[in-house]
Protein backbone atom coordinates (compact mmCIF):
# COMPACT_ATOMS: atom_id res chain seq x y z
CA UNK A 1 11.26 -9.83 27.58
CA UNK A 2 7.92 -12.14 27.91
CA UNK A 3 7.67 -15.58 26.17
CA UNK A 4 6.24 -14.36 22.85
CA UNK A 5 3.52 -16.60 22.06
CA UNK A 6 1.15 -17.07 18.44
CA UNK A 7 -1.88 -14.95 20.49
CA UNK A 8 0.43 -11.82 21.20
CA UNK A 9 1.81 -12.02 17.85
CA UNK A 10 -2.15 -12.09 16.62
CA UNK A 11 -2.69 -8.88 19.34
CA UNK A 12 1.03 -6.91 17.76
CA UNK A 13 0.11 -7.29 14.31
CA UNK A 14 -3.66 -5.53 15.11
CA UNK A 15 -2.67 -3.06 17.43
CA UNK A 16 0.28 -1.37 16.28
CA UNK A 17 -1.09 -0.49 12.58
CA UNK A 18 -4.67 0.20 13.93
CA UNK A 19 -3.36 3.02 15.99
CA UNK A 20 -5.49 6.16 17.16
CA UNK A 21 -7.60 7.93 14.45
CA UNK A 22 -5.07 10.82 13.31
CA UNK A 23 -4.84 13.63 10.43
CA UNK A 24 -4.02 12.45 7.03
CA UNK A 25 -0.41 13.98 7.05
CA UNK A 26 0.09 12.51 9.96
CA UNK A 27 -1.14 9.30 9.16
CA UNK A 28 0.81 8.72 5.64
CA UNK A 29 4.02 10.01 7.80
CA UNK A 30 3.25 7.20 10.29
CA UNK A 31 2.30 4.27 7.87
CA UNK A 32 5.12 5.71 5.42
CA UNK A 33 3.49 3.48 2.33
CA UNK A 34 -0.25 3.41 0.94
CA UNK A 35 -0.58 0.98 -1.66
CA UNK A 36 -3.16 2.04 -4.13
CA UNK A 37 -4.91 0.00 -6.04
CA UNK A 38 -7.37 1.34 -9.03
CA UNK A 39 -10.48 -0.70 -8.10
CA UNK A 40 -13.57 0.94 -6.23
CA UNK A 41 -15.56 -1.86 -4.32
CA UNK A 42 -16.85 0.07 -2.38
CA UNK A 43 -14.02 2.53 -2.30
CA UNK A 44 -10.39 2.35 -3.78
CA UNK A 45 -8.11 0.38 -1.30
CA UNK A 46 -5.87 3.75 -0.58
CA UNK A 47 -9.30 5.01 0.64
CA UNK A 48 -10.24 2.00 2.65
CA UNK A 49 -7.17 1.76 4.68
CA UNK A 50 -6.53 5.31 5.43
CA UNK A 51 -10.48 5.42 6.79
CA UNK A 52 -9.20 3.31 10.19
CA UNK A 53 -6.37 5.61 10.92
CA UNK A 54 -7.65 9.24 9.79
CA UNK A 55 -10.43 11.03 11.79
CA UNK A 56 -13.18 11.83 9.89
CA UNK A 57 -11.96 10.15 6.75
CA UNK A 58 -14.33 10.43 3.33
CA UNK A 59 -13.73 8.50 0.55
CA UNK A 60 -11.36 10.33 -2.11
CA UNK A 61 -10.03 12.36 0.54
CA UNK A 62 -6.33 11.52 -0.43
CA UNK A 63 -6.71 12.57 -4.15
CA UNK A 64 -8.06 15.62 -3.21
CA UNK A 65 -6.12 16.72 -0.81
CA UNK A 66 -2.44 15.23 -2.45
CA UNK A 67 -1.35 18.55 -4.37
CA UNK A 68 -0.83 20.10 -0.81
CA UNK A 69 0.41 17.30 1.19
CA UNK A 70 4.24 15.77 1.28
CA UNK A 71 3.37 12.63 -0.71
CA UNK A 72 4.32 11.66 -3.69
CA UNK A 73 3.06 8.66 -5.81
CA UNK A 74 5.82 5.97 -6.45
CA UNK A 75 7.01 2.90 -6.23
CA UNK A 76 7.66 1.41 -3.13
CA UNK A 77 7.39 -2.72 -2.71
CA UNK A 78 4.22 -2.15 -4.88
CA UNK A 79 2.45 1.36 -6.46
CA UNK A 80 0.75 3.87 -3.92
CA UNK A 81 1.75 7.32 -1.72
CA UNK A 82 5.03 7.55 -0.04
CA UNK A 83 5.85 10.00 2.02
CA UNK A 84 8.84 12.36 0.94
CA UNK A 85 11.30 11.20 3.16
CA UNK A 86 10.83 7.83 1.59
CA UNK A 87 10.82 9.00 -1.96
CA UNK A 88 14.03 11.06 -1.63
CA UNK A 89 16.02 7.48 -0.21
CA UNK A 90 14.61 6.27 -3.78
CA UNK A 91 16.37 8.46 -5.95
CA UNK A 92 17.83 9.27 -8.43
CA UNK A 93 16.78 6.19 -9.56
CA UNK A 94 17.95 4.00 -12.28
CA UNK A 95 15.76 1.89 -14.30
CA UNK A 96 16.67 -1.93 -14.94
CA UNK A 97 15.65 -1.50 -18.63
CA UNK A 98 18.08 1.03 -20.32
CA UNK A 99 16.12 3.35 -22.80
CA UNK A 100 17.91 3.69 -26.27
CA UNK A 101 19.40 7.14 -27.35
CA UNK A 102 15.77 7.64 -29.16
CA UNK A 103 13.89 6.79 -26.10
CA UNK A 104 15.86 9.40 -24.48
CA UNK A 105 15.35 12.22 -27.36
CA UNK A 106 11.29 11.85 -26.82
CA UNK A 107 12.13 12.01 -23.16
CA UNK A 108 14.18 15.47 -22.58
CA UNK A 109 11.86 16.61 -25.57
CA UNK A 110 8.37 15.61 -23.67
CA UNK A 111 10.44 17.36 -20.31
CA UNK A 112 11.28 20.63 -21.70
CA UNK A 113 7.47 20.85 -22.80
CA UNK A 114 6.19 19.85 -19.46
CA UNK A 115 8.07 22.32 -17.75
CA UNK A 116 7.26 25.42 -20.02
CA UNK A 117 3.17 24.28 -19.69
CA UNK A 118 3.40 23.32 -15.48
CA UNK A 119 1.33 20.29 -15.19
CA UNK A 120 0.11 18.35 -18.08
CA UNK A 121 -2.37 15.58 -18.64
CA UNK A 122 -0.84 12.77 -21.18
CA UNK A 123 -3.41 13.74 -23.32
CA UNK A 124 -1.85 16.77 -24.25
CA UNK A 125 1.59 15.41 -24.31
CA UNK A 126 -0.39 12.88 -27.01
CA UNK A 127 -1.66 15.41 -29.10
CA UNK A 128 1.68 17.74 -29.08
CA UNK A 129 4.07 14.56 -30.40
CA UNK A 130 1.62 11.83 -31.81
CA UNK A 131 4.23 9.19 -30.45
CA UNK A 132 1.57 7.00 -31.81
CA UNK A 133 0.41 3.43 -29.87
CA UNK A 134 2.40 0.66 -28.73
CA UNK A 135 1.71 -2.67 -26.78
CA UNK A 136 1.04 -2.22 -23.55
CA UNK A 137 1.81 -4.60 -20.32
CA UNK A 138 -1.51 -6.90 -21.07
CA UNK A 139 -0.92 -7.22 -24.56
CA UNK A 140 -3.17 -4.78 -25.51
CA UNK A 141 -2.32 -1.27 -27.48
CA UNK A 142 -1.88 2.37 -25.56
CA UNK A 143 -0.68 5.39 -26.27
CA UNK A 144 3.04 5.60 -26.46
CA UNK A 145 2.95 9.10 -24.60
CA UNK A 146 1.35 7.38 -21.69
CA UNK A 147 3.97 4.83 -21.28
CA UNK A 148 6.73 7.30 -21.74
CA UNK A 149 5.52 9.83 -19.29
CA UNK A 150 5.01 6.40 -17.13
CA UNK A 151 9.18 5.63 -17.86
CA UNK A 152 9.62 9.18 -16.88
CA UNK A 153 7.79 9.74 -13.80
CA UNK A 154 9.84 6.05 -12.09
CA UNK A 155 13.15 7.69 -13.56
CA UNK A 156 12.35 10.23 -11.48
CA UNK A 157 12.41 13.16 -14.29
CA UNK A 158 8.75 13.87 -13.47
CA UNK A 159 6.33 13.90 -10.19
CA UNK A 160 2.55 13.02 -10.52
CA UNK A 161 0.92 16.91 -9.42
CA UNK A 162 -2.53 15.60 -9.31
CA UNK A 163 -5.39 13.86 -11.22
CA UNK A 164 -8.35 14.22 -13.30
CA UNK A 165 -10.76 11.87 -13.01
CA UNK A 166 -8.62 8.90 -12.15
CA UNK A 167 -5.76 10.10 -14.59
CA UNK A 168 -2.21 11.03 -13.25
CA UNK A 169 -1.48 14.99 -14.79
CA UNK A 170 2.64 15.35 -14.33
CA UNK A 171 4.99 18.39 -13.41
CA UNK A 172 8.90 18.17 -13.81
CA UNK A 173 10.56 16.93 -10.54
CA UNK A 174 13.20 19.49 -10.00
CA UNK A 175 15.61 17.72 -7.45
CA UNK A 176 19.37 18.24 -7.18
CA UNK A 177 20.31 16.51 -4.16
CA UNK A 178 23.33 14.37 -4.07
CA UNK A 179 23.21 10.53 -4.11
CA UNK A 180 22.65 9.30 -0.47
CA UNK A 181 25.05 6.25 1.32
CA UNK A 182 23.36 3.06 -0.71
CA UNK A 183 23.72 1.42 3.13
CA UNK A 184 22.64 3.82 4.93
CA UNK A 185 19.83 4.50 2.48
CA UNK A 186 18.95 0.84 1.97
CA UNK A 187 19.42 0.21 5.75
CA UNK A 188 16.41 3.05 5.93
CA UNK A 189 13.99 1.61 3.21
CA UNK A 190 14.21 -1.89 4.96
CA UNK A 191 13.34 -0.17 8.21
CA UNK A 192 10.46 1.17 6.57
CA UNK A 193 9.06 -2.20 5.56
CA UNK A 194 9.21 -3.51 9.17
CA UNK A 195 7.43 -0.55 10.49
CA UNK A 196 4.70 -0.63 8.01
CA UNK A 197 4.34 -4.81 7.82
CA UNK A 198 5.91 -6.52 11.53
CA UNK A 199 5.74 -8.65 13.30
CA UNK A 200 7.24 -10.26 10.03
CA UNK A 201 7.72 -14.24 9.48
CA UNK A 202 11.40 -14.30 8.13
CA UNK A 203 10.12 -15.53 4.50
CA UNK A 204 8.22 -12.66 4.52
CA UNK A 205 10.88 -10.47 5.59
CA UNK A 206 12.90 -11.70 2.48
CA UNK A 207 10.29 -11.46 0.15
CA UNK A 208 9.86 -7.48 0.85
CA UNK A 209 13.67 -6.72 1.30
CA UNK A 210 13.54 -8.22 -2.47
CA UNK A 211 10.23 -6.31 -3.54
CA UNK A 212 13.22 -3.45 -3.38
CA UNK A 213 13.99 -3.95 -6.38
CA UNK A 214 11.25 -2.02 -8.03
CA UNK A 215 12.11 0.96 -5.26
CA UNK A 216 15.73 1.70 -6.07
CA UNK A 217 17.09 -1.18 -8.66
CA UNK A 218 20.15 0.59 -8.95
CA UNK A 219 21.18 -1.24 -5.69
CA UNK A 220 19.61 -4.67 -6.29
CA UNK A 221 22.94 -5.97 -5.45
CA UNK A 222 22.55 -4.39 -1.86
CA UNK A 223 19.64 -6.08 -0.95
CA UNK A 224 20.93 -9.38 0.60
CA UNK A 225 23.31 -7.33 2.56
CA UNK A 226 20.55 -4.87 4.31
CA UNK A 227 18.26 -8.29 5.18
CA UNK A 228 21.77 -9.97 6.99
CA UNK A 229 22.24 -6.13 8.98
CA UNK A 230 18.78 -6.04 9.66
CA UNK A 231 18.45 -9.50 10.79
CA UNK A 232 21.17 -8.99 13.06
CA UNK A 233 19.73 -5.34 14.62
CA UNK A 234 16.23 -6.30 15.01
CA UNK A 235 14.38 -8.49 18.01
CA UNK A 236 13.17 -11.45 16.80
CA UNK A 237 11.92 -14.78 18.69
CA UNK A 238 11.14 -19.08 17.24
CA UNK A 239 7.34 -19.34 17.48
CA UNK A 240 6.60 -22.55 16.61
CA UNK A 241 9.00 -23.31 14.14
CA UNK A 242 8.92 -19.90 13.03
CA UNK A 243 11.24 -16.74 13.08
CA UNK A 244 9.81 -13.31 13.83
CA UNK A 245 11.39 -9.96 13.43
CA UNK A 246 9.83 -6.47 14.39
CA UNK A 247 10.91 -2.87 15.08
CA UNK A 248 13.72 -2.43 18.05
CA UNK A 249 11.16 0.02 19.98
CA UNK A 250 8.16 -2.43 20.32
CA UNK A 251 7.75 -5.70 22.46
CA UNK A 252 4.95 -7.77 20.75
CA UNK A 253 4.02 -9.71 24.62
CA UNK A 254 2.98 -5.74 25.74
CA UNK A 255 -0.14 -6.20 27.62
CA UNK A 256 -0.89 -2.78 25.44
CA UNK A 257 -1.69 -4.34 23.12
CA UNK A 258 -5.03 -5.73 24.53
CA UNK A 259 -7.70 -5.43 21.50
CA UNK A 260 -10.81 -4.01 21.68
CA UNK A 261 -14.63 -4.85 20.96
CA UNK A 262 -14.44 -3.05 17.37
CA UNK A 263 -15.16 -5.01 14.21
CA UNK A 264 -13.26 -3.79 10.63
CA UNK A 265 -13.84 -4.36 7.49
CA UNK A 266 -9.84 -4.47 5.87
CA UNK A 267 -8.88 -3.26 2.49
CA UNK A 268 -7.19 -6.83 0.91
CA UNK A 269 -4.03 -4.53 1.14
CA UNK A 270 -3.90 -2.99 4.04
CA UNK A 271 -0.95 -3.79 6.36
CA UNK A 272 -2.60 -6.36 8.79
CA UNK A 273 -4.09 -8.33 6.05
CA UNK A 274 -1.44 -8.15 3.03
CA UNK A 275 1.36 -10.70 4.05
CA UNK A 276 -0.84 -13.73 2.40
CA UNK A 277 2.19 -15.87 4.21
CA UNK A 278 1.82 -14.05 7.34
CA UNK A 279 -2.46 -14.15 7.51
CA UNK A 280 -2.60 -18.43 7.35
CA UNK A 281 -0.17 -18.07 10.33
CA UNK A 282 -1.83 -15.70 12.32
CA UNK A 283 -5.60 -16.48 11.58
CA UNK A 284 -5.32 -20.27 10.61
CA UNK A 285 -6.97 -19.79 6.86
CA UNK A 286 -6.64 -18.74 3.16
CA UNK A 287 -7.33 -15.45 2.42
CA UNK A 288 -7.19 -14.15 -1.61
CA UNK A 289 -7.87 -11.67 -3.99
CA UNK A 290 -10.18 -12.76 -6.53
CA UNK A 291 -10.83 -9.61 -8.42
CA UNK A 292 -8.30 -10.72 -11.22
CA UNK A 293 -9.73 -14.58 -10.80
CA UNK A 294 -12.55 -15.94 -13.13
CA UNK A 295 -15.80 -15.27 -11.61
CA UNK A 296 -16.44 -18.98 -11.64
CA UNK A 297 -13.40 -19.76 -9.83
CA UNK A 298 -13.80 -17.53 -6.80
CA UNK A 299 -14.64 -18.47 -3.54
CA UNK A 300 -15.05 -15.25 -1.38
CA UNK A 301 -16.19 -12.85 -4.18
CA UNK A 302 -14.77 -10.11 -6.30
CA UNK A 303 -13.39 -7.83 -3.89
CA UNK A 304 -13.74 -8.87 -0.57
CA UNK A 305 -12.93 -7.44 2.54
CA UNK A 306 -11.22 -9.24 5.30
CA UNK A 307 -13.20 -8.90 8.73
CA UNK A 308 -11.74 -8.31 11.69
CA UNK A 309 -13.08 -8.21 15.03
CA UNK A 310 -11.20 -7.96 18.38
CA UNK A 311 -8.05 -9.42 17.02
CA UNK A 312 -9.64 -11.85 14.66
CA UNK A 313 -9.62 -12.08 11.23
CA UNK A 314 -12.69 -14.17 10.98
CA UNK A 315 -14.30 -13.71 7.33
CA UNK A 316 -14.95 -11.43 4.96
CA UNK A 317 -17.71 -8.93 3.49
CA UNK A 318 -18.39 -7.99 0.07
CA UNK A 319 -19.55 -4.52 0.32
CA UNK A 320 -21.90 -1.86 -2.40
CA UNK A 321 -22.90 0.92 -2.73
CA UNK A 322 -25.74 1.71 -4.83
CA UNK A 323 -27.78 4.98 -4.78
CA UNK A 324 -26.83 5.93 -1.58
CA UNK A 325 -28.23 2.48 -0.46
CA UNK A 326 -25.13 -0.19 1.58
CA UNK A 327 -25.57 -3.65 0.12
CA UNK A 328 -23.27 -5.88 2.76
CA UNK A 329 -22.50 -9.60 1.82
CA UNK A 330 -20.52 -11.66 4.75
CA UNK A 331 -19.02 -14.47 4.75
CA UNK A 332 -17.48 -16.63 7.69
CA UNK A 333 -14.37 -18.49 8.09
CA UNK A 334 -15.65 -21.11 10.18
CA UNK A 335 -19.26 -21.13 8.20
CA UNK A 336 -21.13 -19.10 10.63
CA UNK A 337 -21.26 -15.45 12.29
CA UNK A 338 -20.49 -15.54 16.25
CA UNK A 339 -23.20 -15.64 18.59
CA UNK A 340 -21.98 -13.00 21.01
CA UNK A 341 -24.20 -9.83 20.68
CA UNK A 342 -20.92 -7.07 21.01
CA UNK A 343 -19.93 -8.76 17.56
CA UNK A 344 -23.43 -7.53 16.52
CA UNK A 345 -23.41 -4.27 17.67
CA UNK A 346 -19.27 -3.95 16.66
CA UNK A 347 -20.91 -4.96 13.18
CA UNK A 348 -23.54 -2.59 12.84
CA UNK A 349 -21.13 0.14 14.31
CA UNK A 350 -18.46 -0.12 11.60
CA UNK A 351 -21.15 -0.60 8.94
CA UNK A 352 -22.39 2.79 9.65
CA UNK A 353 -19.18 4.17 9.64
CA UNK A 354 -18.74 2.65 6.50
CA UNK A 355 -21.95 4.82 5.49
CA UNK A 356 -20.59 7.96 6.81
CA UNK A 357 -17.08 7.46 4.55
CA UNK A 358 -18.95 6.96 1.64
CA UNK A 359 -21.00 9.78 2.25
CA UNK A 360 -19.87 12.75 -0.47
CA UNK A 361 -18.58 15.73 1.10
């Protein structure tokens, strides 16, 4: 294998995940996991991620087609959409927080209710059981039924059947499969991480494997051994003092990773930019997601989308869709836009693609 350089790592990071656009089922299968976020600016993160990888994709296609796809909403390293194969690897799941007997009694009553009706909206459960209010994660008040349904979903008793106005509607998850071999399942989960986020610096690799505590809390003690096995089997290279890992079938130095001239505005959780540590190592500046940062303290904007040109993330864009008109405000890490006319043409092409993506079907 040719020497691995920072330039090769950048090209590899971009080329391996920006595969030729394909169908929605094939793209999700290839990605394995698509992180979700409820903020729409100008579209939800899952839609912004998929538009680069699915031919003719429009905002909202994933939610509209979800009931017909072999995918599930679930936790992996974060919450999002996973292939059925990945979903099965994480279950049966035992949550870190044990429920008391009274909570399990409520859960079984709700489970029977959902089974009888097929698919239920949380308001139906709340109306039928009147569980009252409870404190939520943010310190406010929410329906206790909603938290119960969330907990049942996480524990694998329920699955998300569809969404109505963004609200999850649930069905019973009837699966009677034997528990998987722990080591084999953990190795497979780690392989999904590597396939999604490689090339990975060692510190990020370790961090992501530790995030599997959300995916499979019942196997929390198996994470360190799974990480050690992965580090022993995966190819790696020391580049500028940092050890990097990638899948066995890939070569970061391959000439097939030569970048094209495209400009792309990426979701904040796109696999190219998700890992902020890797981002700084590859592109030399710090990108931060600022939606939850107080407005006076924001540097780049509420929902700044990293701006990729060729194999360089050169800036960011804040994009809004108002009455069918695209409003784009761009910023650049070096303080100004490239003067290359190829960049201007590629940027116009990208903004045109975004306009088409945001048009309703």
